[in-house]
Each structure stands twice: as structure tokens, then as C-alpha cells.
Amino acid sequence: MPDISPVALIQMAETVFESREIALNWLESPIKALGEEVPSKLLGTPEGCRRVYQVLAKIEAGDFS
């Protein structure tokens, strides 16, 4: 998987949640699928971006586990 930029992930979150406000709220909240980590705090590293991408892709596909 190629590296995904933080900007691309924010745009992806807006698309997945169909709302900038909801996306930004999600990015600032502890997420169970990320071990209760806050997505925005993971966007500083390629590995963190990949983890956030994987969770967003699952949500987009309808998998909320």
C-alpha cells in the first residue's frame, strides 16, 4: 500500500462520513479499532496513516467492528 497523506485521509474521512464536521469529530475522538487512540494523533507517521486508512476503509465498506 502506498503512503497516504494526512490531507488525503481527512478528505477520505469527509467522504466516508458525508460531513466535514462528523469527520473532524471522528478524527479527534478515541477509536476502539485503533486501541482507543485518537486518529489525528496518528497522522504524523506513515504507519499511523496506514492504520487510520484501514479503519476508514472498513467503515466505508460497512464493517463497523
PDB file of N, CA and C in Angstrom:
ATOM      1  N   MET A   1       0.850  -1.179   0.000  1.00  0.00           N
ATOM      2  CA  MET A   1       0.000   0.000   0.000  1.00  0.00           C
ATOM      3  C   MET A   1       0.896   1.244   0.000  1.00  0.00           C
ATOM      4  N   PRO A   2       0.650   2.166  -0.901  1.00  0.00           N
ATOM      5  CA  PRO A   2       1.454   3.394  -0.922  1.00  0.00           C
ATOM      6  C   PRO A   2       1.138   4.246   0.309  1.00  0.00           C
ATOM      7  N   ASP A   3       2.064   5.125   0.650  1.00  0.00           N
ATOM      8  CA  ASP A   3       1.810   6.029   1.767  1.00  0.00           C
ATOM      9  C   ASP A   3       0.647   6.948   1.423  1.00  0.00           C
ATOM     10  N   ILE A   4      -0.166   7.212   2.433  1.00  0.00           N
ATOM     11  CA  ILE A   4      -1.338   8.074   2.270  1.00  0.00           C
ATOM     12  C   ILE A   4      -1.092   9.321   3.102  1.00  0.00           C
ATOM     13  N   SER A   5      -1.284  10.474   2.515  1.00  0.00           N
ATOM     14  CA  SER A   5      -1.014  11.718   3.228  1.00  0.00           C
ATOM     15  C   SER A   5      -2.124  12.018   4.234  1.00  0.00           C
ATOM     16  N   PRO A   6      -1.781  12.764   5.291  1.00  0.00           N
ATOM     17  CA  PRO A   6      -2.811  13.179   6.249  1.00  0.00           C
ATOM     18  C   PRO A   6      -3.951  13.950   5.580  1.00  0.00           C
ATOM     19  N   VAL A   7      -3.619  14.783   4.615  1.00  0.00           N
ATOM     20  CA  VAL A   7      -4.657  15.551   3.912  1.00  0.00           C
ATOM     21  C   VAL A   7      -5.611  14.607   3.174  1.00  0.00           C
ATOM     22  N   ALA A   8      -5.057  13.593   2.518  1.00  0.00           N
ATOM     23  CA  ALA A   8      -5.898  12.621   1.809  1.00  0.00           C
ATOM     24  C   ALA A   8      -6.790  11.866   2.788  1.00  0.00           C
ATOM     25  N   LEU A   9      -6.275  11.577   3.984  1.00  0.00           N
ATOM     26  CA  LEU A   9      -7.081  10.865   4.976  1.00  0.00           C
ATOM     27  C   LEU A   9      -8.208  11.731   5.515  1.00  0.00           C
ATOM     28  N   ILE A  10      -7.949  13.006   5.696  1.00  0.00           N
ATOM     29  CA  ILE A  10      -9.010  13.924   6.148  1.00  0.00           C
ATOM     30  C   ILE A  10     -10.093  13.992   5.081  1.00  0.00           C
ATOM     31  N   GLN A  11      -9.690  14.083   3.821  1.00  0.00           N
ATOM     32  CA  GLN A  11     -10.670  14.105   2.729  1.00  0.00           C
ATOM     33  C   GLN A  11     -11.441  12.791   2.671  1.00  0.00           C
ATOM     34  N   MET A  12     -10.753  11.675   2.885  1.00  0.00           N
ATOM     35  CA  MET A  12     -11.414  10.373   2.881  1.00  0.00           C
ATOM     36  C   MET A  12     -12.439  10.299   4.012  1.00  0.00           C
ATOM     37  N   ALA A  13     -12.061  10.781   5.195  1.00  0.00           N
ATOM     38  CA  ALA A  13     -12.990  10.775   6.327  1.00  0.00           C
ATOM     39  C   ALA A  13     -14.237  11.604   6.012  1.00  0.00           C
ATOM     40  N   GLU A  14     -14.050  12.747   5.370  1.00  0.00           N
ATOM     41  CA  GLU A  14     -15.194  13.591   4.988  1.00  0.00           C
ATOM     42  C   GLU A  14     -16.102  12.851   4.016  1.00  0.00           C
ATOM     43  N   THR A  15     -15.523  12.106   3.104  1.00  0.00           N
ATOM     44  CA  THR A  15     -16.309  11.328   2.142  1.00  0.00           C
ATOM     45  C   THR A  15     -17.044  10.189   2.843  1.00  0.00           C
ATOM     46  N   VAL A  16     -16.322   9.447   3.704  1.00  0.00           N
ATOM     47  CA  VAL A  16     -16.910   8.302   4.396  1.00  0.00           C
ATOM     48  C   VAL A  16     -18.081   8.746   5.276  1.00  0.00           C
ATOM     49  N   PHE A  17     -17.884   9.822   6.021  1.00  0.00           N
ATOM     50  CA  PHE A  17     -18.921  10.275   6.951  1.00  0.00           C
ATOM     51  C   PHE A  17     -19.910  11.259   6.331  1.00  0.00           C
ATOM     52  N   GLU A  18     -19.642  11.659   5.078  1.00  0.00           N
ATOM     53  CA  GLU A  18     -20.506  12.582   4.338  1.00  0.00           C
ATOM     54  C   GLU A  18     -20.731  13.894   5.080  1.00  0.00           C
ATOM     55  N   SER A  19     -19.727  14.306   5.870  1.00  0.00           N
ATOM     56  CA  SER A  19     -19.826  15.539   6.641  1.00  0.00           C
ATOM     57  C   SER A  19     -18.445  15.923   7.135  1.00  0.00           C
ATOM     58  N   ARG A  20     -18.051  17.159   6.900  1.00  0.00           N
ATOM     59  CA  ARG A  20     -16.762  17.636   7.412  1.00  0.00           C
ATOM     60  C   ARG A  20     -16.789  17.652   8.939  1.00  0.00           C
ATOM     61  N   GLU A  21     -17.888  18.112   9.514  1.00  0.00           N
ATOM     62  CA  GLU A  21     -17.999  18.211  10.971  1.00  0.00           C
ATOM     63  C   GLU A  21     -17.881  16.833  11.638  1.00  0.00           C
ATOM     64  N   ILE A  22     -18.595  15.847  11.117  1.00  0.00           N
ATOM     65  CA  ILE A  22     -18.539  14.496  11.689  1.00  0.00           C
ATOM     66  C   ILE A  22     -17.139  13.910  11.509  1.00  0.00           C
ATOM     67  N   ALA A  23     -16.554  14.132  10.340  1.00  0.00           N
ATOM     68  CA  ALA A  23     -15.206  13.615  10.077  1.00  0.00           C
ATOM     69  C   ALA A  23     -14.197  14.204  11.055  1.00  0.00           C
ATOM     70  N   LEU A  24     -14.244  15.510  11.255  1.00  0.00           N
ATOM     71  CA  LEU A  24     -13.293  16.145  12.162  1.00  0.00           C
ATOM     72  C   LEU A  24     -13.513  15.679  13.597  1.00  0.00           C
ATOM     73  N   ASN A  25     -14.765  15.472  13.987  1.00  0.00           N
ATOM     74  CA  ASN A  25     -15.067  14.949  15.321  1.00  0.00           C
ATOM     75  C   ASN A  25     -14.479  13.536  15.478  1.00  0.00           C
ATOM     76  N   TRP A  26     -14.669  12.691  14.448  1.00  0.00           N
ATOM     77  CA  TRP A  26     -14.130  11.322  14.482  1.00  0.00           C
ATOM     78  C   TRP A  26     -12.612  11.347  14.606  1.00  0.00           C
ATOM     79  N   LEU A  27     -11.969  12.235  13.850  1.00  0.00           N
ATOM     80  CA  LEU A  27     -10.512  12.321  13.854  1.00  0.00           C
ATOM     81  C   LEU A  27      -9.957  12.761  15.206  1.00  0.00           C
ATOM     82  N   GLU A  28     -10.790  13.395  16.040  1.00  0.00           N
ATOM     83  CA  GLU A  28     -10.341  13.890  17.341  1.00  0.00           C
ATOM     84  C   GLU A  28     -10.843  13.035  18.507  1.00  0.00           C
ATOM     85  N   SER A  29     -11.458  11.892  18.224  1.00  0.00           N
ATOM     86  CA  SER A  29     -12.032  11.036  19.266  1.00  0.00           C
ATOM     87  C   SER A  29     -11.263   9.727  19.384  1.00  0.00           C
ATOM     88  N   PRO A  30     -11.158   9.177  20.601  1.00  0.00           N
ATOM     89  CA  PRO A  30     -10.544   7.854  20.747  1.00  0.00           C
ATOM     90  C   PRO A  30     -11.374   6.816  19.992  1.00  0.00           C
ATOM     91  N   ILE A  31     -10.717   5.971  19.204  1.00  0.00           N
ATOM     92  CA  ILE A  31     -11.398   4.994  18.356  1.00  0.00           C
ATOM     93  C   ILE A  31     -11.022   3.587  18.819  1.00  0.00           C
ATOM     94  N   LYS A  32     -12.039   2.800  19.139  1.00  0.00           N
ATOM     95  CA  LYS A  32     -11.824   1.444  19.647  1.00  0.00           C
ATOM     96  C   LYS A  32     -10.957   0.618  18.693  1.00  0.00           C
ATOM     97  N   ALA A  33     -11.237   0.714  17.389  1.00  0.00           N
ATOM     98  CA  ALA A  33     -10.499  -0.069  16.390  1.00  0.00           C
ATOM     99  C   ALA A  33      -9.019   0.334  16.309  1.00  0.00           C
ATOM    100  N   LEU A  34      -8.677   1.462  16.900  1.00  0.00           N
ATOM    101  CA  LEU A  34      -7.285   1.920  16.931  1.00  0.00           C
ATOM    102  C   LEU A  34      -6.705   1.782  18.344  1.00  0.00           C
ATOM    103  N   GLY A  35      -7.313   0.925  19.146  1.00  0.00           N
ATOM    104  CA  GLY A  35      -6.827   0.743  20.512  1.00  0.00           C
ATOM    105  C   GLY A  35      -7.063   1.977  21.367  1.00  0.00           C
ATOM    106  N   GLU A  36      -8.182   2.664  21.108  1.00  0.00           N
ATOM    107  CA  GLU A  36      -8.562   3.898  21.819  1.00  0.00           C
ATOM    108  C   GLU A  36      -7.625   5.067  21.527  1.00  0.00           C
ATOM    109  N   GLU A  37      -6.854   4.961  20.464  1.00  0.00           N
ATOM    110  CA  GLU A  37      -6.015   6.091  20.067  1.00  0.00           C
ATOM    111  C   GLU A  37      -6.845   7.084  19.264  1.00  0.00           C
ATOM    112  N   VAL A  38      -6.394   8.334  19.257  1.00  0.00           N
ATOM    113  CA  VAL A  38      -7.070   9.403  18.527  1.00  0.00           C
ATOM    114  C   VAL A  38      -6.463   9.464  17.120  1.00  0.00           C
ATOM    115  N   PRO A  39      -7.288   9.298  16.078  1.00  0.00           N
ATOM    116  CA  PRO A  39      -6.746   9.258  14.706  1.00  0.00           C
ATOM    117  C   PRO A  39      -5.836  10.437  14.353  1.00  0.00           C
ATOM    118  N   SER A  40      -6.222  11.645  14.717  1.00  0.00           N
ATOM    119  CA  SER A  40      -5.415  12.806  14.335  1.00  0.00           C
ATOM    120  C   SER A  40      -4.004  12.733  14.907  1.00  0.00           C
ATOM    121  N   LYS A  41      -3.839  12.059  16.039  1.00  0.00           N
ATOM    122  CA  LYS A  41      -2.517  11.942  16.662  1.00  0.00           C
ATOM    123  C   LYS A  41      -1.654  10.888  15.958  1.00  0.00           C
ATOM    124  N   LEU A  42      -2.260  10.090  15.101  1.00  0.00           N
ATOM    125  CA  LEU A  42      -1.523   9.055  14.358  1.00  0.00           C
ATOM    126  C   LEU A  42      -1.075   9.528  12.978  1.00  0.00           C
ATOM    127  N   LEU A  43      -1.539  10.683  12.554  1.00  0.00           N
ATOM    128  CA  LEU A  43      -1.290  11.131  11.181  1.00  0.00           C
ATOM    129  C   LEU A  43       0.130  11.634  10.940  1.00  0.00           C
ATOM    130  N   GLY A  44       0.967  11.634  11.973  1.00  0.00           N
ATOM    131  CA  GLY A  44       2.335  12.126  11.825  1.00  0.00           C
ATOM    132  C   GLY A  44       3.320  11.104  11.301  1.00  0.00           C
ATOM    133  N   THR A  45       2.885   9.836  11.187  1.00  0.00           N
ATOM    134  CA  THR A  45       3.794   8.801  10.684  1.00  0.00           C
ATOM    135  C   THR A  45       3.107   8.001   9.578  1.00  0.00           C
ATOM    136  N   PRO A  46       3.886   7.452   8.657  1.00  0.00           N
ATOM    137  CA  PRO A  46       3.281   6.624   7.600  1.00  0.00           C
ATOM    138  C   PRO A  46       2.504   5.440   8.181  1.00  0.00           C
ATOM    139  N   GLU A  47       3.035   4.791   9.222  1.00  0.00           N
ATOM    140  CA  GLU A  47       2.340   3.652   9.835  1.00  0.00           C
ATOM    141  C   GLU A  47       1.009   4.093  10.453  1.00  0.00           C
ATOM    142  N   GLY A  48       1.027   5.235  11.130  1.00  0.00           N
ATOM    143  CA  GLY A  48      -0.206   5.757  11.716  1.00  0.00           C
ATOM    144  C   GLY A  48      -1.235   6.072  10.642  1.00  0.00           C
ATOM    145  N   CYS A  49      -0.793   6.663   9.554  1.00  0.00           N
ATOM    146  CA  CYS A  49      -1.701   6.967   8.439  1.00  0.00           C
ATOM    147  C   CYS A  49      -2.295   5.680   7.871  1.00  0.00           C
ATOM    148  N   ARG A  50      -1.472   4.643   7.750  1.00  0.00           N
ATOM    149  CA  ARG A  50      -1.984   3.362   7.237  1.00  0.00           C
ATOM    150  C   ARG A  50      -3.046   2.787   8.174  1.00  0.00           C
ATOM    151  N   ARG A  51      -2.806   2.877   9.469  1.00  0.00           N
ATOM    152  CA  ARG A  51      -3.781   2.362  10.439  1.00  0.00           C
ATOM    153  C   ARG A  51      -5.106   3.105  10.335  1.00  0.00           C
ATOM    154  N   VAL A  52      -5.048   4.432  10.236  1.00  0.00           N
ATOM    155  CA  VAL A  52      -6.268   5.234  10.118  1.00  0.00           C
ATOM    156  C   VAL A  52      -6.969   4.907   8.800  1.00  0.00           C
ATOM    157  N   TYR A  53      -6.193   4.771   7.721  1.00  0.00           N
ATOM    158  CA  TYR A  53      -6.770   4.414   6.422  1.00  0.00           C
ATOM    159  C   TYR A  53      -7.516   3.083   6.505  1.00  0.00           C
ATOM    160  N   GLN A  54      -6.894   2.100   7.145  1.00  0.00           N
ATOM    161  CA  GLN A  54      -7.524   0.779   7.233  1.00  0.00           C
ATOM    162  C   GLN A  54      -8.856   0.846   7.964  1.00  0.00           C
ATOM    163  N   VAL A  55      -8.937   1.624   9.029  1.00  0.00           N
ATOM    164  CA  VAL A  55     -10.197   1.749   9.764  1.00  0.00           C
ATOM    165  C   VAL A  55     -11.233   2.479   8.909  1.00  0.00           C
ATOM    166  N   LEU A  56     -10.832   3.551   8.254  1.00  0.00           N
ATOM    167  CA  LEU A  56     -11.779   4.276   7.386  1.00  0.00           C
ATOM    168  C   LEU A  56     -12.270   3.388   6.245  1.00  0.00           C
ATOM    169  N   ALA A  57     -11.382   2.586   5.668  1.00  0.00           N
ATOM    170  CA  ALA A  57     -11.776   1.689   4.574  1.00  0.00           C
ATOM    171  C   ALA A  57     -12.798   0.663   5.063  1.00  0.00           C
ATOM    172  N   LYS A  58     -12.609   0.152   6.284  1.00  0.00           N
ATOM    173  CA  LYS A  58     -13.563  -0.807   6.846  1.00  0.00           C
ATOM    174  C   LYS A  58     -14.922  -0.141   7.058  1.00  0.00           C
ATOM    175  N   ILE A  59     -14.915   1.080   7.584  1.00  0.00           N
ATOM    176  CA  ILE A  59     -16.177   1.793   7.808  1.00  0.00           C
ATOM    177  C   ILE A  59     -16.868   2.032   6.471  1.00  0.00           C
ATOM    178  N   GLU A  60     -16.102   2.449   5.471  1.00  0.00           N
ATOM    179  CA  GLU A  60     -16.653   2.706   4.135  1.00  0.00           C
ATOM    180  C   GLU A  60     -17.304   1.455   3.561  1.00  0.00           C
ATOM    181  N   ALA A  61     -16.721   0.288   3.877  1.00  0.00           N
ATOM    182  CA  ALA A  61     -17.235  -0.983   3.381  1.00  0.00           C
ATOM    183  C   ALA A  61     -18.394  -1.505   4.228  1.00  0.00           C
ATOM    184  N   GLY A  62     -18.730  -0.771   5.297  1.00  0.00           N
ATOM    185  CA  GLY A  62     -19.851  -1.186   6.136  1.00  0.00           C
ATOM    186  C   GLY A  62     -19.466  -2.085   7.289  1.00  0.00           C
ATOM    187  N   ASP A  63     -18.172  -2.221   7.546  1.00  0.00           N
ATOM    188  CA  ASP A  63     -17.691  -3.068   8.656  1.00  0.00           C
ATOM    189  C   ASP A  63     -17.354  -2.151   9.822  1.00  0.00           C
ATOM    190  N   PHE A  64     -18.196  -2.168  10.844  1.00  0.00           N
ATOM    191  CA  PHE A  64     -18.016  -1.267  11.972  1.00  0.00           C
ATOM    192  C   PHE A  64     -17.356  -1.931  13.173  1.00  0.00           C
ATOM    193  N   SER A  65     -16.707  -3.074  12.955  1.00  0.00           N
ATOM    194  CA  SER A  65     -16.072  -3.788  14.077  1.00  0.00           C
ATOM    195  C   SER A  65     -14.785  -3.103  14.508  1.00  0.00           C
TER     196      SER A  65
END
